[in-house]
Amino acid sequence: MQDIYPSRHAQAAAFLPRLDPVVHGGWHEGAPLSREQAAQFDRDGYLVLEDMFSDEEIAFLQGEAGTLLADPDALEEETVVTEPGGREIRSIFRIHAQSRVMGRLAADERLAQVARFLLGDEVYIHQSRLNYKPGFQGKEFYWHSDFETWHVEDGMPRMRALSMSVLLAENTPHNGPLMLIPGSHRSFLTCVGETPEDHYRMSLKKQEYGVPDETSLAELAHEHGIVAPTGKPGTVVLFDCNVMHGSNGNITPFPRANAFLVYNAVGNALERPFGAEKPRPDFIAARGDPDRIVPVGGPLMAEAVA
């Protein structure tokens, strides 16, 4: 298959045109987003949805996140990633398959229907994880485009995926919230450096390949600015697969946690990696014929514990 987004091949970074739409579905009455929300996502590459869940549902999710963090030995060993140089948990991957509660969250119609609308297709979970940025110890996530990695290392052919970050703790301007460069999703910034073998073992802790150069980042930031959406638990931040984003370290005593769900269009299934010898493991990038999501309505608690 022709590589229309080549990266990590040339000696210098370059901006390539985006050849895919941002909003793949046409807006219509009854769509899960308003016309204005769809237009904002198309323009900025991200959207913040507030008051999506009840207080009871938020407490339910927080309790499950606490259970997962408290007993990592009960999880698949490779899915638990610690902070670089420390033992604090940084991420737990494949949470939708290891937790009925998180699986129910991924299938919730309030999220899944939005993903299906924006991607214009049925969807499946490409990747899921619990991100935890503990107080004082939580390290940064450097600037990157998810699609660059998913394309080069996983074989995702087109920009037809999006991420949803469900906040499980209050995200403030101080405890390392997600930062985005709105509008950066409109072009594809290539990266420099050949992908090492089993790069994921290092990149999940600290990414050194597939990161944009500082000159290009500065150009994007000066042109578009930087935003850092904050919010109370239950807020959902969704963003396009190609928007440039990252986060600072957390030197406050207030931990930050979120459930992170990546929805990919069924018609955008993974192929052979475009810039690596072998694909990353399934717990990072679902391959083959993953389960299509059937959206589920009603309170999170009902189906998750049935």
C-alpha atoms as a PDB file:
ATOM      1  CA  MET A   1       0.000   0.000   0.000  1.00  0.00           C
ATOM      2  CA  GLN A   2       1.337   3.440  -0.904  1.00  0.00           C
ATOM      3  CA  ASP A   3       2.596   5.401   2.080  1.00  0.00           C
ATOM      4  CA  ILE A   4       0.931   8.798   1.770  1.00  0.00           C
ATOM      5  CA  TYR A   5       2.301   9.925   5.153  1.00  0.00           C
ATOM      6  CA  PRO A   6       5.987   8.889   5.082  1.00  0.00           C
ATOM      7  CA  SER A   7       7.896   9.656   8.278  1.00  0.00           C
ATOM      8  CA  ARG A   8      11.273   8.759   9.833  1.00  0.00           C
ATOM      9  CA  HIS A   9      12.803   8.330   6.367  1.00  0.00           C
ATOM     10  CA  ALA A  10      14.227  11.735   5.419  1.00  0.00           C
ATOM     11  CA  GLN A  11      17.115  13.660   6.974  1.00  0.00           C
ATOM     12  CA  ALA A  12      14.936  16.671   7.776  1.00  0.00           C
ATOM     13  CA  ALA A  13      11.407  17.156   9.086  1.00  0.00           C
ATOM     14  CA  ALA A  14       8.703  18.449   6.755  1.00  0.00           C
ATOM     15  CA  PHE A  15       5.053  19.460   6.811  1.00  0.00           C
ATOM     16  CA  LEU A  16       2.955  17.290   4.481  1.00  0.00           C
ATOM     17  CA  PRO A  17      -0.646  18.055   3.498  1.00  0.00           C
ATOM     18  CA  ARG A  18      -3.405  16.201   5.308  1.00  0.00           C
ATOM     19  CA  LEU A  19      -5.176  14.044   2.733  1.00  0.00           C
ATOM     20  CA  ASP A  20      -8.062  12.925   4.949  1.00  0.00           C
ATOM     21  CA  PRO A  21     -11.092  14.783   6.294  1.00  0.00           C
ATOM     22  CA  VAL A  22     -11.340  15.595   9.990  1.00  0.00           C
ATOM     23  CA  VAL A  23     -15.077  15.026  10.339  1.00  0.00           C
ATOM     24  CA  HIS A  24     -15.944  11.999   8.214  1.00  0.00           C
ATOM     25  CA  GLY A  25     -19.688  12.022   8.862  1.00  0.00           C
ATOM     26  CA  GLY A  26     -22.059  14.682   7.577  1.00  0.00           C
ATOM     27  CA  TRP A  27     -23.941  16.608  10.258  1.00  0.00           C
ATOM     28  CA  HIS A  28     -27.667  15.847  10.523  1.00  0.00           C
ATOM     29  CA  GLU A  29     -30.557  16.393  12.898  1.00  0.00           C
ATOM     30  CA  GLY A  30     -30.178  13.889  15.700  1.00  0.00           C
ATOM     31  CA  ALA A  31     -26.366  13.789  15.468  1.00  0.00           C
ATOM     32  CA  PRO A  32     -24.686  13.284  18.873  1.00  0.00           C
ATOM     33  CA  LEU A  33     -22.935  16.658  18.516  1.00  0.00           C
ATOM     34  CA  SER A  34     -24.356  20.033  17.609  1.00  0.00           C
ATOM     35  CA  ARG A  35     -23.469  21.609  14.286  1.00  0.00           C
ATOM     36  CA  GLU A  36     -21.288  24.102  16.170  1.00  0.00           C
ATOM     37  CA  GLN A  37     -19.444  21.350  18.045  1.00  0.00           C
ATOM     38  CA  ALA A  38     -18.762  19.437  14.837  1.00  0.00           C
ATOM     39  CA  ALA A  39     -17.452  22.619  13.207  1.00  0.00           C
ATOM     40  CA  GLN A  40     -15.189  23.329  16.192  1.00  0.00           C
ATOM     41  CA  PHE A  41     -13.736  19.821  16.077  1.00  0.00           C
ATOM     42  CA  ASP A  42     -13.108  20.206  12.369  1.00  0.00           C
ATOM     43  CA  ARG A  43     -11.417  23.598  12.873  1.00  0.00           C
ATOM     44  CA  ASP A  44      -9.456  23.030  16.087  1.00  0.00           C
ATOM     45  CA  GLY A  45      -8.995  19.272  16.182  1.00  0.00           C
ATOM     46  CA  TYR A  46     -10.346  18.912  19.707  1.00  0.00           C
ATOM     47  CA  LEU A  47     -13.533  19.325  21.711  1.00  0.00           C
ATOM     48  CA  VAL A  48     -14.389  19.422  25.437  1.00  0.00           C
ATOM     49  CA  LEU A  49     -17.639  17.800  26.563  1.00  0.00           C
ATOM     50  CA  GLU A  50     -18.800  18.581  30.093  1.00  0.00           C
ATOM     51  CA  ASP A  51     -21.366  16.975  32.413  1.00  0.00           C
ATOM     52  CA  MET A  52     -21.380  13.738  30.423  1.00  0.00           C
ATOM     53  CA  PHE A  53     -21.776  11.497  33.464  1.00  0.00           C
ATOM     54  CA  SER A  54     -23.675  11.622  36.753  1.00  0.00           C
ATOM     55  CA  ASP A  55     -21.904  11.991  40.093  1.00  0.00           C
ATOM     56  CA  GLU A  56     -22.660   8.324  40.808  1.00  0.00           C
ATOM     57  CA  GLU A  57     -21.096   7.234  37.525  1.00  0.00           C
ATOM     58  CA  ILE A  58     -17.991   9.332  38.150  1.00  0.00           C
ATOM     59  CA  ALA A  59     -17.562   7.820  41.611  1.00  0.00           C
ATOM     60  CA  PHE A  60     -18.027   4.379  40.058  1.00  0.00           C
ATOM     61  CA  LEU A  61     -15.249   5.022  37.526  1.00  0.00           C
ATOM     62  CA  GLN A  62     -12.944   6.506  40.157  1.00  0.00           C
ATOM     63  CA  GLY A  63     -13.452   3.450  42.336  1.00  0.00           C
ATOM     64  CA  GLU A  64     -12.545   1.132  39.477  1.00  0.00           C
ATOM     65  CA  ALA A  65      -9.449   3.174  38.622  1.00  0.00           C
ATOM     66  CA  GLY A  66      -8.373   2.927  42.258  1.00  0.00           C
ATOM     67  CA  THR A  67      -8.866  -0.838  42.199  1.00  0.00           C
ATOM     68  CA  LEU A  68      -6.747  -1.227  39.070  1.00  0.00           C
ATOM     69  CA  LEU A  69      -3.954   0.928  40.477  1.00  0.00           C
ATOM     70  CA  ALA A  70      -4.004  -0.801  43.865  1.00  0.00           C
ATOM     71  CA  ASP A  71      -3.471  -4.322  42.506  1.00  0.00           C
ATOM     72  CA  PRO A  72      -1.260  -4.254  39.401  1.00  0.00           C
ATOM     73  CA  ASP A  73      -0.286  -7.897  40.006  1.00  0.00           C
ATOM     74  CA  ALA A  74      -3.830  -8.878  39.001  1.00  0.00           C
ATOM     75  CA  LEU A  75      -3.288  -7.372  35.550  1.00  0.00           C
ATOM     76  CA  GLU A  76      -1.412  -8.576  32.481  1.00  0.00           C
ATOM     77  CA  GLU A  77       2.184  -7.807  33.420  1.00  0.00           C
ATOM     78  CA  GLU A  78       3.219  -6.160  30.162  1.00  0.00           C
ATOM     79  CA  THR A  79       0.280  -3.740  30.236  1.00  0.00           C
ATOM     80  CA  VAL A  80       1.507  -2.016  33.415  1.00  0.00           C
ATOM     81  CA  VAL A  81       4.021   0.755  32.650  1.00  0.00           C
ATOM     82  CA  THR A  82       5.907   2.567  35.411  1.00  0.00           C
ATOM     83  CA  GLU A  83       7.439   6.021  35.422  1.00  0.00           C
ATOM     84  CA  PRO A  84      10.966   6.261  33.972  1.00  0.00           C
ATOM     85  CA  GLY A  85      13.436   5.636  36.767  1.00  0.00           C
ATOM     86  CA  GLY A  86      10.698   4.931  39.305  1.00  0.00           C
ATOM     87  CA  ARG A  87       8.072   2.441  40.459  1.00  0.00           C
ATOM     88  CA  GLU A  88       5.036   4.721  40.303  1.00  0.00           C
ATOM     89  CA  ILE A  89       2.491   3.522  37.738  1.00  0.00           C
ATOM     90  CA  ARG A  90       2.406   5.730  34.634  1.00  0.00           C
ATOM     91  CA  SER A  91      -0.131   3.830  32.508  1.00  0.00           C
ATOM     92  CA  ILE A  92      -2.162   0.631  32.444  1.00  0.00           C
ATOM     93  CA  PHE A  93      -2.959  -0.494  28.902  1.00  0.00           C
ATOM     94  CA  ARG A  94      -5.848  -2.565  27.525  1.00  0.00           C
ATOM     95  CA  ILE A  95      -8.126  -1.511  30.361  1.00  0.00           C
ATOM     96  CA  HIS A  96     -11.263  -2.059  28.273  1.00  0.00           C
ATOM     97  CA  ALA A  97     -10.428  -5.779  28.099  1.00  0.00           C
ATOM     98  CA  GLN A  98      -9.152  -6.166  31.675  1.00  0.00           C
ATOM     99  CA  SER A  99     -11.984  -4.341  33.423  1.00  0.00           C
ATOM    100  CA  ARG A 100     -15.712  -4.787  32.831  1.00  0.00           C
ATOM    101  CA  VAL A 101     -16.255  -1.248  34.071  1.00  0.00           C
ATOM    102  CA  MET A 102     -13.804   0.241  31.578  1.00  0.00           C
ATOM    103  CA  GLY A 103     -15.169  -1.999  28.839  1.00  0.00           C
ATOM    104  CA  ARG A 104     -18.635  -0.659  29.564  1.00  0.00           C
ATOM    105  CA  LEU A 105     -17.282   2.902  29.472  1.00  0.00           C
ATOM    106  CA  ALA A 106     -15.732   2.307  26.043  1.00  0.00           C
ATOM    107  CA  ALA A 107     -19.072   1.051  24.715  1.00  0.00           C
ATOM    108  CA  ASP A 108     -21.179   3.786  26.299  1.00  0.00           C
ATOM    109  CA  GLU A 109     -23.331   5.437  23.676  1.00  0.00           C
ATOM    110  CA  ARG A 110     -22.447   8.911  24.943  1.00  0.00           C
ATOM    111  CA  LEU A 111     -18.888   8.263  23.751  1.00  0.00           C
ATOM    112  CA  ALA A 112     -19.205   5.612  21.061  1.00  0.00           C
ATOM    113  CA  GLN A 113     -21.916   7.427  19.098  1.00  0.00           C
ATOM    114  CA  VAL A 114     -19.772  10.557  18.969  1.00  0.00           C
ATOM    115  CA  ALA A 115     -16.853   8.494  17.676  1.00  0.00           C
ATOM    116  CA  ARG A 116     -19.038   6.791  15.049  1.00  0.00           C
ATOM    117  CA  PHE A 117     -20.367  10.150  13.880  1.00  0.00           C
ATOM    118  CA  LEU A 118     -16.995  11.903  13.634  1.00  0.00           C
ATOM    119  CA  LEU A 119     -15.308   8.913  11.978  1.00  0.00           C
ATOM    120  CA  GLY A 120     -18.249   8.113   9.705  1.00  0.00           C
ATOM    121  CA  ASP A 121     -18.058   4.367  10.365  1.00  0.00           C
ATOM    122  CA  GLU A 122     -18.458   1.651  12.926  1.00  0.00           C
ATOM    123  CA  VAL A 123     -15.620   1.766  15.430  1.00  0.00           C
ATOM    124  CA  TYR A 124     -13.443  -0.436  17.598  1.00  0.00           C
ATOM    125  CA  ILE A 125     -10.932   0.275  20.366  1.00  0.00           C
ATOM    126  CA  HIS A 126      -7.469   0.642  18.869  1.00  0.00           C
ATOM    127  CA  GLN A 127      -5.921   1.308  22.280  1.00  0.00           C
ATOM    128  CA  SER A 128      -7.104   1.974  25.816  1.00  0.00           C
ATOM    129  CA  ARG A 129      -5.256   2.866  28.961  1.00  0.00           C
ATOM    130  CA  LEU A 130      -5.495   4.397  32.389  1.00  0.00           C
ATOM    131  CA  ASN A 131      -3.087   7.323  32.609  1.00  0.00           C
ATOM    132  CA  TYR A 132      -2.023   8.256  36.098  1.00  0.00           C
ATOM    133  CA  LYS A 133       0.177  11.248  36.847  1.00  0.00           C
ATOM    134  CA  PRO A 134       0.874  11.008  40.594  1.00  0.00           C
ATOM    135  CA  GLY A 135       1.539  14.045  42.722  1.00  0.00           C
ATOM    136  CA  PHE A 136       5.184  15.175  42.751  1.00  0.00           C
ATOM    137  CA  GLN A 137       6.299  12.136  40.706  1.00  0.00           C
ATOM    138  CA  GLY A 138       4.282  12.315  37.463  1.00  0.00           C
ATOM    139  CA  LYS A 139       6.560  12.903  34.479  1.00  0.00           C
ATOM    140  CA  GLU A 140       5.768  14.774  31.280  1.00  0.00           C
ATOM    141  CA  PHE A 141       4.485  13.380  27.986  1.00  0.00           C
ATOM    142  CA  TYR A 142       6.466  15.170  25.274  1.00  0.00           C
ATOM    143  CA  TRP A 143       4.809  16.774  22.242  1.00  0.00           C
ATOM    144  CA  HIS A 144       3.716  14.304  19.577  1.00  0.00           C
ATOM    145  CA  SER A 145       1.083  13.395  17.010  1.00  0.00           C
ATOM    146  CA  ASP A 146      -0.448  10.031  17.853  1.00  0.00           C
ATOM    147  CA  PHE A 147      -1.038   9.286  14.206  1.00  0.00           C
ATOM    148  CA  GLU A 148       2.653   9.547  13.375  1.00  0.00           C
ATOM    149  CA  THR A 149       3.381   6.666  15.748  1.00  0.00           C
ATOM    150  CA  TRP A 150       0.252   4.684  14.905  1.00  0.00           C
ATOM    151  CA  HIS A 151       1.069   4.985  11.207  1.00  0.00           C
ATOM    152  CA  VAL A 152       4.800   4.259  11.369  1.00  0.00           C
ATOM    153  CA  GLU A 153       4.840   1.613  14.114  1.00  0.00           C
ATOM    154  CA  ASP A 154       1.330   0.101  13.960  1.00  0.00           C
ATOM    155  CA  GLY A 155       0.347   0.401  10.300  1.00  0.00           C
ATOM    156  CA  MET A 156      -2.715   2.652  10.669  1.00  0.00           C
ATOM    157  CA  PRO A 157      -3.219   3.725   7.032  1.00  0.00           C
ATOM    158  CA  ARG A 158      -5.318   6.900   7.264  1.00  0.00           C
ATOM    159  CA  MET A 159      -6.255   9.675   9.697  1.00  0.00           C
ATOM    160  CA  ARG A 160      -9.560   8.186  10.740  1.00  0.00           C
ATOM    161  CA  ALA A 161      -9.156   7.731  14.487  1.00  0.00           C
ATOM    162  CA  LEU A 162      -9.666   9.865  17.572  1.00  0.00           C
ATOM    163  CA  SER A 163      -8.940   9.816  21.285  1.00  0.00           C
ATOM    164  CA  MET A 164     -11.203  10.473  24.238  1.00  0.00           C
ATOM    165  CA  SER A 165      -9.751  11.340  27.617  1.00  0.00           C
ATOM    166  CA  VAL A 166     -12.292  10.874  30.419  1.00  0.00           C
ATOM    167  CA  LEU A 167     -11.043  12.872  33.401  1.00  0.00           C
ATOM    168  CA  LEU A 168     -11.136  10.882  36.654  1.00  0.00           C
ATOM    169  CA  ALA A 169      -9.563  13.603  38.785  1.00  0.00           C
ATOM    170  CA  GLU A 170      -9.756  17.353  38.515  1.00  0.00           C
ATOM    171  CA  ASN A 171      -7.396  18.656  35.857  1.00  0.00           C
ATOM    172  CA  THR A 172      -6.114  22.084  36.827  1.00  0.00           C
ATOM    173  CA  PRO A 173      -3.638  24.417  35.111  1.00  0.00           C
ATOM    174  CA  HIS A 174      -1.036  23.185  37.621  1.00  0.00           C
ATOM    175  CA  ASN A 175      -1.096  19.363  37.740  1.00  0.00           C
ATOM    176  CA  GLY A 176       0.066  18.588  34.215  1.00  0.00           C
ATOM    177  CA  PRO A 177      -3.121  18.793  32.125  1.00  0.00           C
ATOM    178  CA  LEU A 178      -3.237  17.823  28.479  1.00  0.00           C
ATOM    179  CA  MET A 179      -1.940  20.584  26.187  1.00  0.00           C
ATOM    180  CA  LEU A 180      -2.883  20.823  22.516  1.00  0.00           C
ATOM    181  CA  ILE A 181      -1.959  22.991  19.561  1.00  0.00           C
ATOM    182  CA  PRO A 182      -5.342  23.706  17.927  1.00  0.00           C
ATOM    183  CA  GLY A 183      -5.250  23.559  14.149  1.00  0.00           C
ATOM    184  CA  SER A 184      -2.036  21.519  14.087  1.00  0.00           C
ATOM    185  CA  HIS A 185      -4.019  18.514  12.819  1.00  0.00           C
ATOM    186  CA  ARG A 186      -4.349  20.182   9.412  1.00  0.00           C
ATOM    187  CA  SER A 187      -0.873  19.107   8.309  1.00  0.00           C
ATOM    188  CA  PHE A 188       1.304  16.065   8.973  1.00  0.00           C
ATOM    189  CA  LEU A 189       4.672  16.796  10.540  1.00  0.00           C
ATOM    190  CA  THR A 190       7.218  14.114   9.704  1.00  0.00           C
ATOM    191  CA  CYS A 191       9.847  13.018  12.197  1.00  0.00           C
ATOM    192  CA  VAL A 192      13.517  12.153  11.838  1.00  0.00           C
ATOM    193  CA  GLY A 193      15.270   9.000  13.003  1.00  0.00           C
ATOM    194  CA  GLU A 194      14.952   5.313  12.149  1.00  0.00           C
ATOM    195  CA  THR A 195      12.673   3.359  14.500  1.00  0.00           C
ATOM    196  CA  PRO A 196      14.671   1.037  16.819  1.00  0.00           C
ATOM    197  CA  GLU A 197      13.573  -2.552  17.303  1.00  0.00           C
ATOM    198  CA  ASP A 198      10.974  -2.974  20.072  1.00  0.00           C
ATOM    199  CA  HIS A 199      10.847   0.798  20.399  1.00  0.00           C
ATOM    200  CA  TYR A 200       7.655   0.570  22.463  1.00  0.00           C
ATOM    201  CA  ARG A 201       9.551  -0.758  25.489  1.00  0.00           C
ATOM    202  CA  MET A 202      11.280   2.614  25.776  1.00  0.00           C
ATOM    203  CA  SER A 203       8.679   4.936  24.246  1.00  0.00           C
ATOM    204  CA  LEU A 204       5.898   4.019  26.699  1.00  0.00           C
ATOM    205  CA  LYS A 205       8.070   5.468  29.461  1.00  0.00           C
ATOM    206  CA  LYS A 206       9.798   8.234  27.495  1.00  0.00           C
ATOM    207  CA  GLN A 207       9.509   8.716  23.757  1.00  0.00           C
ATOM    208  CA  GLU A 208      12.684   9.670  21.887  1.00  0.00           C
ATOM    209  CA  TYR A 209      11.794   8.626  18.326  1.00  0.00           C
ATOM    210  CA  GLY A 210       8.676   9.835  16.581  1.00  0.00           C
ATOM    211  CA  VAL A 211       8.912  13.187  18.354  1.00  0.00           C
ATOM    212  CA  PRO A 212       8.731  16.433  16.365  1.00  0.00           C
ATOM    213  CA  ASP A 213      11.672  18.783  16.024  1.00  0.00           C
ATOM    214  CA  GLU A 214      11.725  21.976  18.075  1.00  0.00           C
ATOM    215  CA  THR A 215      11.826  24.323  15.086  1.00  0.00           C
ATOM    216  CA  SER A 216       8.627  22.869  13.611  1.00  0.00           C
ATOM    217  CA  LEU A 217       6.950  22.775  17.017  1.00  0.00           C
ATOM    218  CA  ALA A 218       7.768  26.425  17.556  1.00  0.00           C
ATOM    219  CA  GLU A 219       6.317  27.259  14.142  1.00  0.00           C
ATOM    220  CA  LEU A 220       3.070  25.449  14.992  1.00  0.00           C
ATOM    221  CA  ALA A 221       2.815  27.049  18.425  1.00  0.00           C
ATOM    222  CA  HIS A 222       3.454  30.577  17.118  1.00  0.00           C
ATOM    223  CA  GLU A 223       0.867  30.098  14.383  1.00  0.00           C
ATOM    224  CA  HIS A 224      -1.880  28.391  16.385  1.00  0.00           C
ATOM    225  CA  GLY A 225      -1.152  28.924  20.079  1.00  0.00           C
ATOM    226  CA  ILE A 226      -1.400  26.345  22.854  1.00  0.00           C
ATOM    227  CA  VAL A 227      -4.475  25.409  24.891  1.00  0.00           C
ATOM    228  CA  ALA A 228      -4.715  23.316  28.056  1.00  0.00           C
ATOM    229  CA  PRO A 229      -8.307  22.181  28.668  1.00  0.00           C
ATOM    230  CA  THR A 230      -9.075  21.718  32.346  1.00  0.00           C
ATOM    231  CA  GLY A 231     -12.144  20.363  34.048  1.00  0.00           C
ATOM    232  CA  LYS A 232     -13.741  18.444  36.841  1.00  0.00           C
ATOM    233  CA  PRO A 233     -13.992  14.655  36.940  1.00  0.00           C
ATOM    234  CA  GLY A 234     -16.310  13.345  34.232  1.00  0.00           C
ATOM    235  CA  THR A 235     -15.237  15.922  31.657  1.00  0.00           C
ATOM    236  CA  VAL A 236     -14.337  14.364  28.298  1.00  0.00           C
ATOM    237  CA  VAL A 237     -11.605  15.821  26.089  1.00  0.00           C
ATOM    238  CA  LEU A 238     -11.685  14.349  22.585  1.00  0.00           C
ATOM    239  CA  PHE A 239      -9.106  15.086  19.937  1.00  0.00           C
ATOM    240  CA  ASP A 240      -8.151  14.132  16.411  1.00  0.00           C
ATOM    241  CA  CYS A 241      -5.450  11.515  15.907  1.00  0.00           C
ATOM    242  CA  ASN A 242      -3.103  14.021  14.272  1.00  0.00           C
ATOM    243  CA  VAL A 243      -3.363  16.999  16.610  1.00  0.00           C
ATOM    244  CA  MET A 244      -0.080  17.888  18.316  1.00  0.00           C
ATOM    245  CA  HIS A 245      -0.330  17.396  22.075  1.00  0.00           C
ATOM    246  CA  GLY A 246       1.626  16.668  25.250  1.00  0.00           C
ATOM    247  CA  SER A 247       1.660  17.500  28.954  1.00  0.00           C
ATOM    248  CA  ASN A 248       3.986  18.837  31.616  1.00  0.00           C
ATOM    249  CA  GLY A 249       5.142  16.933  34.665  1.00  0.00           C
ATOM    250  CA  ASN A 250       3.113  17.143  37.866  1.00  0.00           C
ATOM    251  CA  ILE A 251       5.049  18.773  40.711  1.00  0.00           C
ATOM    252  CA  THR A 252       1.911  19.486  42.748  1.00  0.00           C
ATOM    253  CA  PRO A 253       0.549  17.144  45.447  1.00  0.00           C
ATOM    254  CA  PHE A 254      -2.641  16.720  43.417  1.00  0.00           C
ATOM    255  CA  PRO A 255      -2.670  13.582  41.223  1.00  0.00           C
ATOM    256  CA  ARG A 256      -4.090  13.576  37.724  1.00  0.00           C
ATOM    257  CA  ALA A 257      -5.831  10.526  36.293  1.00  0.00           C
ATOM    258  CA  ASN A 258      -7.821   9.791  33.162  1.00  0.00           C
ATOM    259  CA  ALA A 259      -9.267   6.873  31.238  1.00  0.00           C
ATOM    260  CA  PHE A 260      -7.943   7.116  27.694  1.00  0.00           C
ATOM    261  CA  LEU A 261      -9.856   5.510  24.825  1.00  0.00           C
ATOM    262  CA  VAL A 262      -8.777   5.462  21.176  1.00  0.00           C
ATOM    263  CA  TYR A 263     -11.517   4.757  18.643  1.00  0.00           C
ATOM    264  CA  ASN A 264     -10.553   3.709  15.128  1.00  0.00           C
ATOM    265  CA  ALA A 265     -12.862   3.305  12.146  1.00  0.00           C
ATOM    266  CA  VAL A 266     -13.471  -0.314  11.139  1.00  0.00           C
ATOM    267  CA  GLY A 267     -12.564   0.668   7.574  1.00  0.00           C
ATOM    268  CA  ASN A 268      -9.179   1.935   8.803  1.00  0.00           C
ATOM    269  CA  ALA A 269      -7.905  -1.359  10.231  1.00  0.00           C
ATOM    270  CA  LEU A 270      -4.179  -1.760  10.798  1.00  0.00           C
ATOM    271  CA  GLU A 271      -1.910  -3.082   8.093  1.00  0.00           C
ATOM    272  CA  ARG A 272       1.818  -3.733   8.014  1.00  0.00           C
ATOM    273  CA  PRO A 273       3.762  -0.953   9.809  1.00  0.00           C
ATOM    274  CA  PHE A 274       4.956   1.769   7.465  1.00  0.00           C
ATOM    275  CA  GLY A 275       8.272   2.345   9.231  1.00  0.00           C
ATOM    276  CA  ALA A 276       9.072  -0.548  11.546  1.00  0.00           C
ATOM    277  CA  GLU A 277      10.171  -4.140  10.978  1.00  0.00           C
ATOM    278  CA  LYS A 278       7.394  -5.618  13.086  1.00  0.00           C
ATOM    279  CA  PRO A 279       4.186  -4.268  14.650  1.00  0.00           C
ATOM    280  CA  ARG A 280       3.846  -3.376  18.289  1.00  0.00           C
ATOM    281  CA  PRO A 281       2.023  -5.866  20.565  1.00  0.00           C
ATOM    282  CA  ASP A 282      -1.772  -6.089  20.525  1.00  0.00           C
ATOM    283  CA  PHE A 283      -2.098  -4.552  23.996  1.00  0.00           C
ATOM    284  CA  ILE A 284      -0.884  -1.272  22.445  1.00  0.00           C
ATOM    285  CA  ALA A 285      -2.526  -1.568  19.025  1.00  0.00           C
ATOM    286  CA  ALA A 286      -5.395  -3.964  18.331  1.00  0.00           C
ATOM    287  CA  ARG A 287      -4.815  -5.960  15.162  1.00  0.00           C
ATOM    288  CA  GLY A 288      -6.685  -8.604  13.210  1.00  0.00           C
ATOM    289  CA  ASP A 289     -10.455  -8.344  13.464  1.00  0.00           C
ATOM    290  CA  PRO A 290     -11.125  -6.482  16.738  1.00  0.00           C
ATOM    291  CA  ASP A 291     -14.598  -6.449  18.268  1.00  0.00           C
ATOM    292  CA  ARG A 292     -16.776  -3.721  16.829  1.00  0.00           C
ATOM    293  CA  ILE A 293     -18.400  -1.602  19.487  1.00  0.00           C
ATOM    294  CA  VAL A 294     -22.135  -1.920  19.933  1.00  0.00           C
ATOM    295  CA  PRO A 295     -23.163   1.292  21.738  1.00  0.00           C
ATOM    296  CA  VAL A 296     -24.872   0.709  25.089  1.00  0.00           C
ATOM    297  CA  GLY A 297     -27.241   3.157  26.803  1.00  0.00           C
ATOM    298  CA  GLY A 298     -28.197   3.660  30.421  1.00  0.00           C
ATOM    299  CA  PRO A 299     -26.135   4.223  33.575  1.00  0.00           C
ATOM    300  CA  LEU A 300     -22.626   2.805  33.580  1.00  0.00           C
ATOM    301  CA  MET A 301     -23.244   0.796  36.733  1.00  0.00           C
ATOM    302  CA  ALA A 302     -26.018  -1.434  35.361  1.00  0.00           C
ATOM    303  CA  GLU A 303     -24.288  -3.344  32.558  1.00  0.00           C
ATOM    304  CA  ALA A 304     -20.789  -3.230  34.006  1.00  0.00           C
ATOM    305  CA  VAL A 305     -21.672  -5.289  37.080  1.00  0.00           C
ATOM    306  CA  ALA A 306     -24.404  -7.467  35.585  1.00  0.00           C
END
